[in-house]
PDB file of N, CA and C in Angstrom:
ATOM      1  N   MET A   1     109.503  80.671  97.589  1.00  0.00           N
ATOM      2  CA  MET A   1     110.658  80.891  98.428  1.00  0.00           C
ATOM      3  C   MET A   1     110.516  82.239  99.127  1.00  0.00           C
ATOM      4  N   SER A   2     110.467  82.172 100.432  1.00  0.00           N
ATOM      5  CA  SER A   2     110.252  83.415 101.160  1.00  0.00           C
ATOM      6  C   SER A   2     110.400  83.197 102.648  1.00  0.00           C
ATOM      7  N   LEU A   3     110.176  84.270 103.359  1.00  0.00           N
ATOM      8  CA  LEU A   3     110.166  84.201 104.815  1.00  0.00           C
ATOM      9  C   LEU A   3     109.106  83.206 105.275  1.00  0.00           C
ATOM     10  N   ASP A   4     107.952  83.215 104.633  1.00  0.00           N
ATOM     11  CA  ASP A   4     106.884  82.281 105.015  1.00  0.00           C
ATOM     12  C   ASP A   4     107.311  80.830 104.810  1.00  0.00           C
ATOM     13  N   SER A   5     108.032  80.556 103.728  1.00  0.00           N
ATOM     14  CA  SER A   5     108.527  79.195 103.489  1.00  0.00           C
ATOM     15  C   SER A   5     109.515  78.785 104.569  1.00  0.00           C
ATOM     16  N   LEU A   6     110.381  79.707 104.937  1.00  0.00           N
ATOM     17  CA  LEU A   6     111.363  79.419 105.980  1.00  0.00           C
ATOM     18  C   LEU A   6     110.671  79.168 107.314  1.00  0.00           C
ATOM     19  N   LYS A   7     109.701  80.016 107.643  1.00  0.00           N
ATOM     20  CA  LYS A   7     108.971  79.840 108.901  1.00  0.00           C
ATOM     21  C   LYS A   7     108.213  78.517 108.926  1.00  0.00           C
ATOM     22  N   SER A   8     107.652  78.119 107.806  1.00  0.00           N
ATOM     23  CA  SER A   8     106.899  76.862 107.779  1.00  0.00           C
ATOM     24  C   SER A   8     107.814  75.647 107.923  1.00  0.00           C
ATOM     25  N   ALA A   9     109.091  75.810 107.630  1.00  0.00           N
ATOM     26  CA  ALA A   9     110.043  74.708 107.760  1.00  0.00           C
ATOM     27  C   ALA A   9     110.555  74.537 109.190  1.00  0.00           C
ATOM     28  N   VAL A  10     110.301  75.528 110.040  1.00  0.00           N
ATOM     29  CA  VAL A  10     110.752  75.451 111.431  1.00  0.00           C
ATOM     30  C   VAL A  10     109.836  74.480 112.182  1.00  0.00           C
ATOM     31  N   PRO A  11     110.426  73.506 112.877  1.00  0.00           N
ATOM     32  CA  PRO A  11     109.592  72.532 113.599  1.00  0.00           C
ATOM     33  C   PRO A  11     108.848  73.160 114.773  1.00  0.00           C
ATOM     34  N   ASP A  12     107.802  72.491 115.204  1.00  0.00           N
ATOM     35  CA  ASP A  12     106.960  73.003 116.292  1.00  0.00           C
ATOM     36  C   ASP A  12     107.725  73.238 117.585  1.00  0.00           C
ATOM     37  N   TYR A  13     108.734  72.413 117.862  1.00  0.00           N
ATOM     38  CA  TYR A  13     109.471  72.598 119.108  1.00  0.00           C
ATOM     39  C   TYR A  13     110.289  73.889 119.120  1.00  0.00           C
ATOM     40  N   ALA A  14     110.444  74.527 117.958  1.00  0.00           N
ATOM     41  CA  ALA A  14     111.180  75.788 117.866  1.00  0.00           C
ATOM     42  C   ALA A  14     110.239  76.934 117.492  1.00  0.00           C
ATOM     43  N   LYS A  15     109.022  76.894 118.005  1.00  0.00           N
ATOM     44  CA  LYS A  15     108.020  77.889 117.615  1.00  0.00           C
ATOM     45  C   LYS A  15     108.435  79.312 117.979  1.00  0.00           C
ATOM     46  N   ASP A  16     109.232  79.479 119.034  1.00  0.00           N
ATOM     47  CA  ASP A  16     109.704  80.820 119.379  1.00  0.00           C
ATOM     48  C   ASP A  16     110.580  81.394 118.270  1.00  0.00           C
ATOM     49  N   LEU A  17     111.379  80.554 117.654  1.00  0.00           N
ATOM     50  CA  LEU A  17     112.207  80.990 116.535  1.00  0.00           C
ATOM     51  C   LEU A  17     111.330  81.450 115.381  1.00  0.00           C
ATOM     52  N   LYS A  18     110.288  80.698 115.114  1.00  0.00           N
ATOM     53  CA  LYS A  18     109.343  81.049 114.050  1.00  0.00           C
ATOM     54  C   LYS A  18     108.696  82.408 114.328  1.00  0.00           C
ATOM     55  N   LEU A  19     108.268  82.614 115.559  1.00  0.00           N
ATOM     56  CA  LEU A  19     107.654  83.890 115.940  1.00  0.00           C
ATOM     57  C   LEU A  19     108.655  85.038 115.842  1.00  0.00           C
ATOM     58  N   ASN A  20     109.884  84.787 116.284  1.00  0.00           N
ATOM     59  CA  ASN A  20     110.905  85.833 116.234  1.00  0.00           C
ATOM     60  C   ASN A  20     111.261  86.217 114.806  1.00  0.00           C
ATOM     61  N   LEU A  21     111.326  85.243 113.912  1.00  0.00           N
ATOM     62  CA  LEU A  21     111.600  85.561 112.510  1.00  0.00           C
ATOM     63  C   LEU A  21     110.543  86.512 111.958  1.00  0.00           C
ATOM     64  N   GLY A  22     109.302  86.200 112.222  1.00  0.00           N
ATOM     65  CA  GLY A  22     108.214  87.051 111.745  1.00  0.00           C
ATOM     66  C   GLY A  22     108.233  88.422 112.377  1.00  0.00           C
ATOM     67  N   SER A  23     108.524  88.483 113.659  1.00  0.00           N
ATOM     68  CA  SER A  23     108.536  89.767 114.364  1.00  0.00           C
ATOM     69  C   SER A  23     109.683  90.654 113.913  1.00  0.00           C
ATOM     70  N   VAL A  24     110.859  90.078 113.826  1.00  0.00           N
ATOM     71  CA  VAL A  24     112.042  90.871 113.492  1.00  0.00           C
ATOM     72  C   VAL A  24     111.970  91.394 112.066  1.00  0.00           C
ATOM     73  N   ILE A  25     111.597  90.542 111.145  1.00  0.00           N
ATOM     74  CA  ILE A  25     111.574  90.963 109.743  1.00  0.00           C
ATOM     75  C   ILE A  25     110.264  91.659 109.391  1.00  0.00           C
ATOM     76  N   GLY A  26     109.159  91.158 109.891  1.00  0.00           N
ATOM     77  CA  GLY A  26     107.857  91.693 109.503  1.00  0.00           C
ATOM     78  C   GLY A  26     107.443  92.973 110.191  1.00  0.00           C
ATOM     79  N   ASN A  27     107.990  93.251 111.357  1.00  0.00           N
ATOM     80  CA  ASN A  27     107.550  94.420 112.128  1.00  0.00           C
ATOM     81  C   ASN A  27     108.689  95.357 112.489  1.00  0.00           C
ATOM     82  N   SER A  28     109.707  95.408 111.676  1.00  0.00           N
ATOM     83  CA  SER A  28     110.878  96.224 111.988  1.00  0.00           C
ATOM     84  C   SER A  28     110.631  97.697 111.683  1.00  0.00           C
ATOM     85  N   ASP A  29     111.227  98.549 112.500  1.00  0.00           N
ATOM     86  CA  ASP A  29     111.175  99.989 112.252  1.00  0.00           C
ATOM     87  C   ASP A  29     112.336 100.457 111.381  1.00  0.00           C
ATOM     88  N   LEU A  30     113.230  99.554 111.028  1.00  0.00           N
ATOM     89  CA  LEU A  30     114.368  99.922 110.189  1.00  0.00           C
ATOM     90  C   LEU A  30     113.907 100.266 108.775  1.00  0.00           C
ATOM     91  N   PRO A  31     114.596 101.196 108.125  1.00  0.00           N
ATOM     92  CA  PRO A  31     114.329 101.424 106.698  1.00  0.00           C
ATOM     93  C   PRO A  31     114.638 100.140 105.915  1.00  0.00           C
ATOM     94  N   ALA A  32     113.995  99.969 104.786  1.00  0.00           N
ATOM     95  CA  ALA A  32     114.116  98.726 104.010  1.00  0.00           C
ATOM     96  C   ALA A  32     115.562  98.370 103.688  1.00  0.00           C
ATOM     97  N   GLN A  33     116.380  99.349 103.324  1.00  0.00           N
ATOM     98  CA  GLN A  33     117.773  99.058 102.983  1.00  0.00           C
ATOM     99  C   GLN A  33     118.534  98.485 104.180  1.00  0.00           C
ATOM    100  N   GLN A  34     118.310  99.037 105.354  1.00  0.00           N
ATOM    101  CA  GLN A  34     118.988  98.532 106.551  1.00  0.00           C
ATOM    102  C   GLN A  34     118.442  97.165 106.955  1.00  0.00           C
ATOM    103  N   LEU A  35     117.138  97.019 106.914  1.00  0.00           N
ATOM    104  CA  LEU A  35     116.520  95.749 107.296  1.00  0.00           C
ATOM    105  C   LEU A  35     117.003  94.619 106.404  1.00  0.00           C
ATOM    106  N   TRP A  36     116.863  94.782 105.100  1.00  0.00           N
ATOM    107  CA  TRP A  36     117.197  93.692 104.190  1.00  0.00           C
ATOM    108  C   TRP A  36     118.693  93.497 104.061  1.00  0.00           C
ATOM    109  N   GLY A  37     119.484  94.545 104.283  1.00  0.00           N
ATOM    110  CA  GLY A  37     120.936  94.377 104.345  1.00  0.00           C
ATOM    111  C   GLY A  37     121.322  93.519 105.535  1.00  0.00           C
ATOM    112  N   THR A  38     120.680  93.764 106.662  1.00  0.00           N
ATOM    113  CA  THR A  38     120.927  92.968 107.869  1.00  0.00           C
ATOM    114  C   THR A  38     120.456  91.531 107.678  1.00  0.00           C
ATOM    115  N   VAL A  39     119.283  91.365 107.085  1.00  0.00           N
ATOM    116  CA  VAL A  39     118.759  90.016 106.827  1.00  0.00           C
ATOM    117  C   VAL A  39     119.728  89.239 105.939  1.00  0.00           C
ATOM    118  N   LEU A  40     120.190  89.870 104.865  1.00  0.00           N
ATOM    119  CA  LEU A  40     121.097  89.182 103.943  1.00  0.00           C
ATOM    120  C   LEU A  40     122.422  88.852 104.619  1.00  0.00           C
ATOM    121  N   ALA A  41     122.993  89.813 105.333  1.00  0.00           N
ATOM    122  CA  ALA A  41     124.279  89.570 105.999  1.00  0.00           C
ATOM    123  C   ALA A  41     124.176  88.427 107.004  1.00  0.00           C
ATOM    124  N   THR A  42     123.108  88.401 107.771  1.00  0.00           N
ATOM    125  CA  THR A  42     122.973  87.332 108.767  1.00  0.00           C
ATOM    126  C   THR A  42     122.627  85.990 108.118  1.00  0.00           C
ATOM    127  N   ALA A  43     121.887  86.021 107.020  1.00  0.00           N
ATOM    128  CA  ALA A  43     121.598  84.772 106.302  1.00  0.00           C
ATOM    129  C   ALA A  43     122.890  84.167 105.757  1.00  0.00           C
ATOM    130  N   ILE A  44     123.744  85.011 105.195  1.00  0.00           N
ATOM    131  CA  ILE A  44     125.034  84.527 104.690  1.00  0.00           C
ATOM    132  C   ILE A  44     125.890  84.023 105.850  1.00  0.00           C
ATOM    133  N   ALA A  45     125.940  84.800 106.922  1.00  0.00           N
ATOM    134  CA  ALA A  45     126.770  84.438 108.079  1.00  0.00           C
ATOM    135  C   ALA A  45     126.290  83.156 108.755  1.00  0.00           C
ATOM    136  N   SER A  46     125.016  82.827 108.613  1.00  0.00           N
ATOM    137  CA  SER A  46     124.492  81.599 109.230  1.00  0.00           C
ATOM    138  C   SER A  46     125.066  80.345 108.576  1.00  0.00           C
ATOM    139  N   ARG A  47     125.562  80.491 107.367  1.00  0.00           N
ATOM    140  CA  ARG A  47     126.135  79.386 106.593  1.00  0.00           C
ATOM    141  C   ARG A  47     125.115  78.276 106.340  1.00  0.00           C
ATOM    142  N   SER A  48     123.847  78.645 106.343  1.00  0.00           N
ATOM    143  CA  SER A  48     122.782  77.685 106.053  1.00  0.00           C
ATOM    144  C   SER A  48     122.287  77.916 104.631  1.00  0.00           C
ATOM    145  N   PRO A  49     122.492  76.948 103.742  1.00  0.00           N
ATOM    146  CA  PRO A  49     122.009  77.129 102.375  1.00  0.00           C
ATOM    147  C   PRO A  49     120.494  77.313 102.306  1.00  0.00           C
ATOM    148  N   ILE A  50     119.774  76.695 103.224  1.00  0.00           N
ATOM    149  CA  ILE A  50     118.312  76.815 103.230  1.00  0.00           C
ATOM    150  C   ILE A  50     117.900  78.239 103.589  1.00  0.00           C
ATOM    151  N   VAL A  51     118.488  78.782 104.634  1.00  0.00           N
ATOM    152  CA  VAL A  51     118.163  80.152 105.057  1.00  0.00           C
ATOM    153  C   VAL A  51     118.506  81.129 103.944  1.00  0.00           C
ATOM    154  N   LEU A  52     119.678  80.985 103.359  1.00  0.00           N
ATOM    155  CA  LEU A  52     120.088  81.892 102.287  1.00  0.00           C
ATOM    156  C   LEU A  52     119.173  81.752 101.075  1.00  0.00           C
ATOM    157  N   ARG A  53     118.839  80.528 100.699  1.00  0.00           N
ATOM    158  CA  ARG A  53     117.963  80.302  99.539  1.00  0.00           C
ATOM    159  C   ARG A  53     116.597  80.953  99.734  1.00  0.00           C
ATOM    160  N   GLU A  54     116.091  80.917 100.950  1.00  0.00           N
ATOM    161  CA  GLU A  54     114.760  81.457 101.215  1.00  0.00           C
ATOM    162  C   GLU A  54     114.743  82.980 101.346  1.00  0.00           C
ATOM    163  N   LEU A  55     115.807  83.567 101.874  1.00  0.00           N
ATOM    164  CA  LEU A  55     115.781  85.002 102.168  1.00  0.00           C
ATOM    165  C   LEU A  55     116.502  85.883 101.145  1.00  0.00           C
ATOM    166  N   GLU A  56     117.482  85.334 100.441  1.00  0.00           N
ATOM    167  CA  GLU A  56     118.255  86.162  99.516  1.00  0.00           C
ATOM    168  C   GLU A  56     117.426  86.784  98.390  1.00  0.00           C
ATOM    169  N   PRO A  57     116.508  86.063  97.750  1.00  0.00           N
ATOM    170  CA  PRO A  57     115.756  86.699  96.659  1.00  0.00           C
ATOM    171  C   PRO A  57     114.979  87.944  97.107  1.00  0.00           C
ATOM    172  N   GLU A  58     114.342  87.863  98.259  1.00  0.00           N
ATOM    173  CA  GLU A  58     113.591  89.023  98.744  1.00  0.00           C
ATOM    174  C   GLU A  58     114.531  90.144  99.162  1.00  0.00           C
ATOM    175  N   ALA A  59     115.651  89.775  99.760  1.00  0.00           N
ATOM    176  CA  ALA A  59     116.644  90.789 100.133  1.00  0.00           C
ATOM    177  C   ALA A  59     117.157  91.493  98.883  1.00  0.00           C
ATOM    178  N   LYS A  60     117.489  90.726  97.866  1.00  0.00           N
ATOM    179  CA  LYS A  60     118.012  91.310  96.625  1.00  0.00           C
ATOM    180  C   LYS A  60     116.981  92.228  95.969  1.00  0.00           C
ATOM    181  N   ALA A  61     115.715  91.854  96.049  1.00  0.00           N
ATOM    182  CA  ALA A  61     114.653  92.676  95.467  1.00  0.00           C
ATOM    183  C   ALA A  61     114.467  93.992  96.218  1.00  0.00           C
ATOM    184  N   ASN A  62     114.836  94.018  97.494  1.00  0.00           N
ATOM    185  CA  ASN A  62     114.642  95.212  98.315  1.00  0.00           C
ATOM    186  C   ASN A  62     115.891  96.066  98.470  1.00  0.00           C
ATOM    187  N   LEU A  63     117.022  95.598  97.965  1.00  0.00           N
ATOM    188  CA  LEU A  63     118.282  96.321  98.139  1.00  0.00           C
ATOM    189  C   LEU A  63     118.768  96.921  96.829  1.00  0.00           C
ATOM    190  N   SER A  64     119.407  98.072  96.946  1.00  0.00           N
ATOM    191  CA  SER A  64     120.115  98.621  95.793  1.00  0.00           C
ATOM    192  C   SER A  64     121.326  97.723  95.534  1.00  0.00           C
ATOM    193  N   PRO A  65     121.897  97.766  94.332  1.00  0.00           N
ATOM    194  CA  PRO A  65     123.093  96.952  94.078  1.00  0.00           C
ATOM    195  C   PRO A  65     124.227  97.258  95.065  1.00  0.00           C
ATOM    196  N   GLU A  66     124.359  98.520  95.439  1.00  0.00           N
ATOM    197  CA  GLU A  66     125.411  98.903  96.387  1.00  0.00           C
ATOM    198  C   GLU A  66     125.151  98.310  97.770  1.00  0.00           C
ATOM    199  N   ALA A  67     123.902  98.361  98.215  1.00  0.00           N
ATOM    200  CA  ALA A  67     123.554  97.815  99.529  1.00  0.00           C
ATOM    201  C   ALA A  67     123.677  96.292  99.533  1.00  0.00           C
ATOM    202  N   TYR A  68     123.340  95.656  98.423  1.00  0.00           N
ATOM    203  CA  TYR A  68     123.484  94.203  98.301  1.00  0.00           C
ATOM    204  C   TYR A  68     124.949  93.809  98.459  1.00  0.00           C
ATOM    205  N   SER A  69     125.817  94.519  97.760  1.00  0.00           N
ATOM    206  CA  SER A  69     127.254  94.257  97.859  1.00  0.00           C
ATOM    207  C   SER A  69     127.777  94.550  99.260  1.00  0.00           C
ATOM    208  N   ALA A  70     127.304  95.628  99.869  1.00  0.00           N
ATOM    209  CA  ALA A  70     127.735  95.986 101.225  1.00  0.00           C
ATOM    210  C   ALA A  70     127.312  94.922 102.235  1.00  0.00           C
ATOM    211  N   ALA A  71     126.135  94.363 102.069  1.00  0.00           N
ATOM    212  CA  ALA A  71     125.669  93.312 102.982  1.00  0.00           C
ATOM    213  C   ALA A  71     126.538  92.067 102.859  1.00  0.00           C
ATOM    214  N   LYS A  72     126.928  91.732 101.634  1.00  0.00           N
ATOM    215  CA  LYS A  72     127.811  90.584 101.447  1.00  0.00           C
ATOM    216  C   LYS A  72     129.181  90.853 102.062  1.00  0.00           C
ATOM    217  N   SER A  73     129.658  92.079 101.942  1.00  0.00           N
ATOM    218  CA  SER A  73     130.929  92.455 102.573  1.00  0.00           C
ATOM    219  C   SER A  73     130.824  92.366 104.089  1.00  0.00           C
ATOM    220  N   ALA A  74     129.707  92.821 104.637  1.00  0.00           N
ATOM    221  CA  ALA A  74     129.498  92.750 106.089  1.00  0.00           C
ATOM    222  C   ALA A  74     129.499  91.299 106.557  1.00  0.00           C
ATOM    223  N   ALA A  75     128.898  90.413 105.781  1.00  0.00           N
ATOM    224  CA  ALA A  75     128.888  88.992 106.143  1.00  0.00           C
ATOM    225  C   ALA A  75     130.301  88.423 106.143  1.00  0.00           C
ATOM    226  N   ALA A  76     131.125  88.860 105.193  1.00  0.00           N
ATOM    227  CA  ALA A  76     132.514  88.389 105.149  1.00  0.00           C
ATOM    228  C   ALA A  76     133.276  88.842 106.390  1.00  0.00           C
ATOM    229  N   VAL A  77     133.072  90.086 106.796  1.00  0.00           N
ATOM    230  CA  VAL A  77     133.732  90.600 107.999  1.00  0.00           C
ATOM    231  C   VAL A  77     133.217  89.861 109.236  1.00  0.00           C
ATOM    232  N   MET A  78     131.910  89.606 109.282  1.00  0.00           N
ATOM    233  CA  MET A  78     131.342  88.853 110.410  1.00  0.00           C
ATOM    234  C   MET A  78     131.985  87.470 110.504  1.00  0.00           C
ATOM    235  N   ALA A  79     132.154  86.807 109.372  1.00  0.00           N
ATOM    236  CA  ALA A  79     132.760  85.476 109.364  1.00  0.00           C
ATOM    237  C   ALA A  79     134.208  85.542 109.825  1.00  0.00           C
ATOM    238  N   MET A  80     134.925  86.558 109.371  1.00  0.00           N
ATOM    239  CA  MET A  80     136.322  86.707 109.766  1.00  0.00           C
ATOM    240  C   MET A  80     136.432  86.930 111.271  1.00  0.00           C
ATOM    241  N   ASN A  81     135.565  87.771 111.808  1.00  0.00           N
ATOM    242  CA  ASN A  81     135.605  88.054 113.243  1.00  0.00           C
ATOM    243  C   ASN A  81     135.206  86.845 114.079  1.00  0.00           C
ATOM    244  N   ASN A  82     134.350  85.999 113.552  1.00  0.00           N
ATOM    245  CA  ASN A  82     133.950  84.795 114.277  1.00  0.00           C
ATOM    246  C   ASN A  82     135.043  83.733 114.276  1.00  0.00           C
ATOM    247  N   VAL A  83     135.925  83.771 113.290  1.00  0.00           N
ATOM    248  CA  VAL A  83     136.986  82.777 113.178  1.00  0.00           C
ATOM    249  C   VAL A  83     138.205  83.181 113.988  1.00  0.00           C
ATOM    250  N   PHE A  84     138.570  84.452 113.900  1.00  0.00           N
ATOM    251  CA  PHE A  84     139.820  84.889 114.527  1.00  0.00           C
ATOM    252  C   PHE A  84     139.572  85.419 115.891  1.00  0.00           C
TER     253      PHE A  84
END
């Protein structure tokens, strides 16, 4: 379960999405806490169990407990703002 698993599940007609996933996560200049906090928040906000299943373990491994909780809070705020 990983970014590579998620990328391999993307169909050929969406190859740009596959490339963007690798570029954004694999070549980011963000510090690890910011990168993986953003990855986790957006994975949660996507409401895709597959995306969350593939990315959450690596995010959790790279985040402090405080940053992990903050990313989940950010996802909740993102969801609220998208609804209202």
